[in-house]
Every structure is written in structure tokens, then in C-alpha cells.
Amino acid sequence: MSEPTLTIGGLEAVYDALATALDQAGTDKAQLFLVKLALLNANALADEVLFQQHINSALQDL
């Protein structure tokens, strides 16, 4: 069974929401916001191995 994924429209909506939230946080609080968001999503995911895989994927090609 494959994991559920967002549609292209869903990804665009998430991207827009994230960009807006980063603007609201401001450059001085953006890193703190992203850490808090990551921890909230890790808790919702409830799978530390999968979360580590996501970290590894996000680090590629920076």
C-alpha cells in the first residue's frame, strides 16, 4: 500500500500557506517557526524513522 500524497493543487496550497506564515514570522523568527512546525508535524506523523527519512530527503540538493 502506498502512502497518501497531496495533489499538485494541495502542494501549491501548502506552499502558499508556508510562504505566508514565514512572512508573518519575519526573518528574525523564521528559523524558530520552522523548527516548531517540524516538531508539530513529527508528532502528528508519529514515526521517528519516517521523519528522519524526510529530513534526509530535504537535505538533498540544497
Protein backbone atom coordinates (compact mmCIF):
# COMPACT_ATOMS: atom_id res chain seq x y z
CA MET A 1 0.00 0.00 0.00
CA SER A 2 1.38 3.43 -0.92
CA GLU A 3 1.41 6.40 1.41
CA PRO A 4 -1.15 9.13 0.76
CA THR A 5 0.20 12.15 -1.09
CA LEU A 6 -1.07 15.62 -1.87
CA THR A 7 -2.27 16.61 -5.30
CA ILE A 8 -0.36 19.33 -7.17
CA GLY A 9 -3.07 21.77 -6.07
CA GLY A 10 -2.68 20.62 -2.48
CA LEU A 11 1.09 21.09 -2.63
CA GLU A 12 0.61 24.58 -4.06
CA ALA A 13 -1.82 25.44 -1.24
CA VAL A 14 0.65 24.16 1.38
CA TYR A 15 3.48 26.11 -0.25
CA ASP A 16 1.40 29.30 -0.26
CA ALA A 17 0.39 28.81 3.39
CA LEU A 18 4.01 28.20 4.38
CA ALA A 19 5.25 31.27 2.48
CA THR A 20 2.58 33.43 4.12
CA ALA A 21 3.41 32.08 7.58
CA LEU A 22 7.13 32.71 7.03
CA ASP A 23 6.34 36.29 6.05
CA GLN A 24 4.25 36.67 9.21
CA ALA A 25 7.02 35.22 11.38
CA GLY A 26 9.59 37.59 9.91
CA THR A 27 13.23 36.85 9.17
CA ASP A 28 14.24 37.02 12.83
CA LYS A 29 11.73 34.29 13.84
CA ALA A 30 11.61 32.19 10.64
CA GLN A 31 14.02 29.53 11.91
CA LEU A 32 12.14 29.16 15.20
CA PHE A 33 8.85 28.92 13.31
CA LEU A 34 10.21 26.17 11.04
CA VAL A 35 11.54 24.15 13.98
CA LYS A 36 8.20 24.42 15.78
CA LEU A 37 6.36 23.43 12.60
CA ALA A 38 8.68 20.44 12.07
CA LEU A 39 8.15 19.23 15.64
CA LEU A 40 4.37 19.56 15.36
CA ASN A 41 4.42 17.61 12.09
CA ALA A 42 6.76 14.96 13.52
CA ASN A 43 4.34 14.49 16.41
CA ALA A 44 1.39 14.22 14.02
CA LEU A 45 3.33 11.75 11.86
CA ALA A 46 4.16 9.68 14.98
CA ASP A 47 7.00 7.85 13.21
CA GLU A 48 10.54 8.96 14.04
CA VAL A 49 12.10 6.73 11.37
CA LEU A 50 9.91 8.20 8.63
CA PHE A 51 10.59 11.69 9.95
CA GLN A 52 14.35 11.04 9.74
CA GLN A 53 13.85 9.87 6.14
CA HIS A 54 12.05 13.16 5.43
CA ILE A 55 14.97 15.09 6.97
CA ASN A 56 17.42 13.18 4.78
CA SER A 57 15.34 13.86 1.67
CA ALA A 58 15.04 17.57 2.49
CA LEU A 59 18.82 17.86 2.91
CA GLN A 60 19.49 16.55 -0.59
CA ASP A 61 20.35 19.06 -3.28
CA LEU A 62 20.31 22.15 -1.05
